[in-house]
Protein backbone atom coordinates (compact mmCIF):
# COMPACT_ATOMS: atom_id res chain seq x y z
CA MET A 1 0.00 0.00 0.00
CA PRO A 2 2.43 2.68 -1.14
CA ASP A 3 -0.25 5.39 -1.44
CA ALA A 4 -1.59 4.97 2.11
CA VAL A 5 -0.72 7.70 4.57
CA PHE A 6 0.76 6.48 7.82
CA SER A 7 -1.19 7.73 10.80
CA TYR A 8 -0.15 7.08 14.32
CA ASN A 9 -1.80 7.58 17.70
CA HIS A 10 -0.43 7.36 21.15
CA LEU A 11 -1.85 4.67 23.35
CA ASN A 12 -2.94 7.13 26.02
CA GLN A 13 -4.95 9.06 23.38
CA LEU A 14 -6.74 5.90 22.28
CA ASN A 15 -7.42 4.99 25.88
CA ALA A 16 -8.77 8.48 26.65
CA GLU A 17 -11.11 8.33 23.65
CA GLN A 18 -12.58 5.06 24.90
CA TYR A 19 -13.51 6.60 28.25
CA GLU A 20 -14.91 9.94 27.04
CA GLN A 21 -18.48 8.72 27.42
CA GLU A 22 -17.75 7.46 30.93
CA GLN A 23 -16.36 10.86 31.88
CA ARG A 24 -19.49 12.58 30.55
CA TRP A 25 -21.65 10.20 32.58
CA GLN A 26 -19.52 10.90 35.61
CA LYS A 27 -20.18 14.63 35.30
CA ILE A 28 -23.92 14.08 34.85
CA ILE A 29 -24.12 11.72 37.82
CA ASN A 30 -22.11 14.12 40.00
CA ILE A 31 -24.46 17.00 39.21
CA ALA A 32 -27.54 14.82 39.78
CA THR A 33 -26.11 13.61 43.09
CA ILE A 34 -25.48 17.14 44.31
CA LEU A 35 -29.00 18.22 43.32
CA ALA A 36 -30.58 15.17 44.97
CA PHE A 37 -28.53 15.80 48.09
CA LEU A 38 -29.69 19.41 48.29
CA VAL A 39 -33.33 18.44 47.77
CA CYS A 40 -33.06 15.77 50.48
CA CYS A 41 -31.50 18.22 52.93
CA LEU A 42 -34.22 20.78 52.21
CA GLY A 43 -36.90 18.13 52.68
CA LEU A 44 -35.38 16.98 55.97
CA PHE A 45 -35.06 20.59 57.09
CA GLY A 46 -38.73 21.23 56.24
CA MET A 47 -39.92 18.09 58.02
CA THR A 48 -37.88 19.00 61.07
CA TYR A 49 -39.20 22.55 61.07
CA LEU A 50 -42.79 21.34 60.83
CA SER A 51 -42.35 18.70 63.52
CA ILE A 52 -40.67 21.06 65.96
CA ASN A 53 -43.28 23.77 65.40
CA GLN A 54 -45.96 21.23 66.27
CA ARG A 55 -44.12 20.37 69.50
CA VAL A 56 -43.31 23.91 70.67
CA LYS A 57 -45.61 23.68 73.70
CA GLU A 58 -44.16 20.32 74.69
CA VAL A 59 -40.66 21.78 74.53
CA GLY A 60 -41.80 24.75 76.61
CA VAL A 61 -43.34 22.53 79.28
CA ARG A 62 -40.22 20.35 79.42
CA LYS A 63 -38.01 23.42 79.82
CA VAL A 64 -40.21 24.76 82.62
CA LEU A 65 -40.04 21.39 84.37
CA GLY A 66 -36.23 21.45 84.26
CA ALA A 67 -35.13 19.70 81.08
CA THR A 68 -31.70 20.71 79.84
CA ILE A 69 -31.01 21.89 76.31
CA SER A 70 -29.15 18.68 75.48
CA GLN A 71 -32.11 16.56 76.63
CA ILE A 72 -34.46 18.55 74.41
CA ILE A 73 -32.12 18.29 71.43
CA ILE A 74 -31.87 14.52 71.89
CA LEU A 75 -35.65 14.25 72.27
CA LEU A 76 -36.25 16.11 69.01
CA SER A 77 -33.42 14.48 67.03
CA VAL A 78 -33.78 10.79 67.84
CA ASN A 79 -36.85 10.16 65.69
CA PHE A 80 -35.30 11.72 62.61
CA LEU A 81 -32.01 9.90 63.06
CA LYS A 82 -33.93 6.61 63.32
CA LEU A 83 -35.62 7.40 60.01
CA ILE A 84 -32.25 8.13 58.40
CA LEU A 85 -30.88 4.79 59.64
CA ILE A 86 -33.93 2.90 58.35
CA SER A 87 -33.64 4.56 54.94
CA PHE A 88 -29.96 3.69 54.84
CA VAL A 89 -30.65 0.03 55.63
CA VAL A 90 -33.23 -0.06 52.84
CA ALA A 91 -30.83 1.64 50.40
CA ILE A 92 -27.84 -0.68 50.98
CA PRO A 93 -29.09 -3.67 48.93
CA ILE A 94 -30.35 -1.44 46.13
CA ALA A 95 -27.05 0.44 45.91
CA TRP A 96 -25.04 -2.78 46.07
CA TRP A 97 -27.11 -4.35 43.27
CA ALA A 98 -26.91 -1.26 41.03
CA ALA A 99 -23.16 -0.84 41.57
CA ASN A 100 -22.46 -4.51 40.82
CA LEU A 101 -24.59 -4.33 37.69
CA TRP A 102 -22.70 -1.26 36.52
CA LEU A 103 -19.27 -2.68 37.32
CA GLN A 104 -19.89 -5.87 35.34
CA ASP A 105 -19.21 -3.96 32.11
CA TYR A 106 -15.55 -3.43 32.98
CA ALA A 107 -12.69 -5.85 32.42
CA TYR A 108 -10.88 -4.52 35.48
CA ARG A 109 -13.21 -3.71 38.35
CA ILE A 110 -13.11 -3.22 42.06
CA LYS A 111 -14.89 -5.27 44.66
CA LEU A 112 -17.44 -3.43 46.72
CA GLY A 113 -16.38 -3.72 50.31
CA PRO A 114 -18.54 -2.95 53.30
CA TRP A 115 -16.40 0.10 54.14
CA ILE A 116 -17.93 2.00 51.22
CA PHE A 117 -21.42 1.55 52.62
CA VAL A 118 -20.30 2.29 56.18
CA LEU A 119 -18.68 5.52 54.99
CA ALA A 120 -21.82 6.55 53.07
CA GLY A 121 -24.02 5.77 56.07
CA THR A 122 -21.77 7.71 58.43
CA VAL A 123 -21.71 10.75 56.17
CA SER A 124 -25.50 10.70 55.66
CA LEU A 125 -26.10 10.29 59.39
CA PHE A 126 -23.71 13.15 60.15
CA ILE A 127 -25.34 15.48 57.63
CA GLY A 128 -28.80 14.52 58.86
CA ALA A 129 -27.76 15.14 62.46
CA ILE A 130 -26.48 18.60 61.57
CA THR A 131 -29.65 19.43 59.64
CA VAL A 132 -31.94 18.29 62.47
CA SER A 133 -29.78 19.76 65.23
CA ILE A 134 -29.98 23.27 63.79
CA GLN A 135 -33.75 23.36 64.29
CA ALA A 136 -33.60 21.47 67.59
CA ILE A 137 -31.10 23.96 69.03
CA LYS A 138 -33.34 26.86 67.99
CA ALA A 139 -36.32 25.23 69.70
CA ALA A 140 -34.32 24.37 72.82
CA ASN A 141 -33.02 27.92 73.19
CA ALA A 142 -36.43 29.53 72.70
CA ASN A 143 -38.13 31.23 75.60
CA PRO A 144 -40.75 28.84 77.04
CA VAL A 145 -42.96 31.73 78.13
CA LYS A 146 -43.68 32.68 74.50
CA SER A 147 -44.82 29.17 73.60
CA LEU A 148 -46.96 28.72 76.74
CA ARG A 149 -48.50 32.20 76.83
CA THR A 150 -51.34 31.29 74.46
CA GLU A 151 -52.86 28.82 76.95
């Protein structure tokens, strides 16, 4: 083939071209994850706000009877943290199944260890605790006279 033009490519260029679509998917998934995370935090914040506003008189009575701020924060936070743990336990098998299904397409893949799920659960519990604690601290520091004055 004397008339054929010799064209060469570096191996790293060929490799990068093969993974362009994966990199685009990675960007899309990262953006979707951030948006879902923000929506979840706003939803948790709204549920906490609603729940605490419904229990304002209970918090006021407990403060008058001598409850400390930490006891009130724990009282208001425990239910939400239980819900976060239950949702995490439900999400583990679904996430494990989806990740294994996605990783089957690769020749070289990692094994999903339990540390990945423990890390995700710890981070979600920590973020949920911060989100709930903000509202619980506001309710615990409120003046009980204002909440009980309407009676």
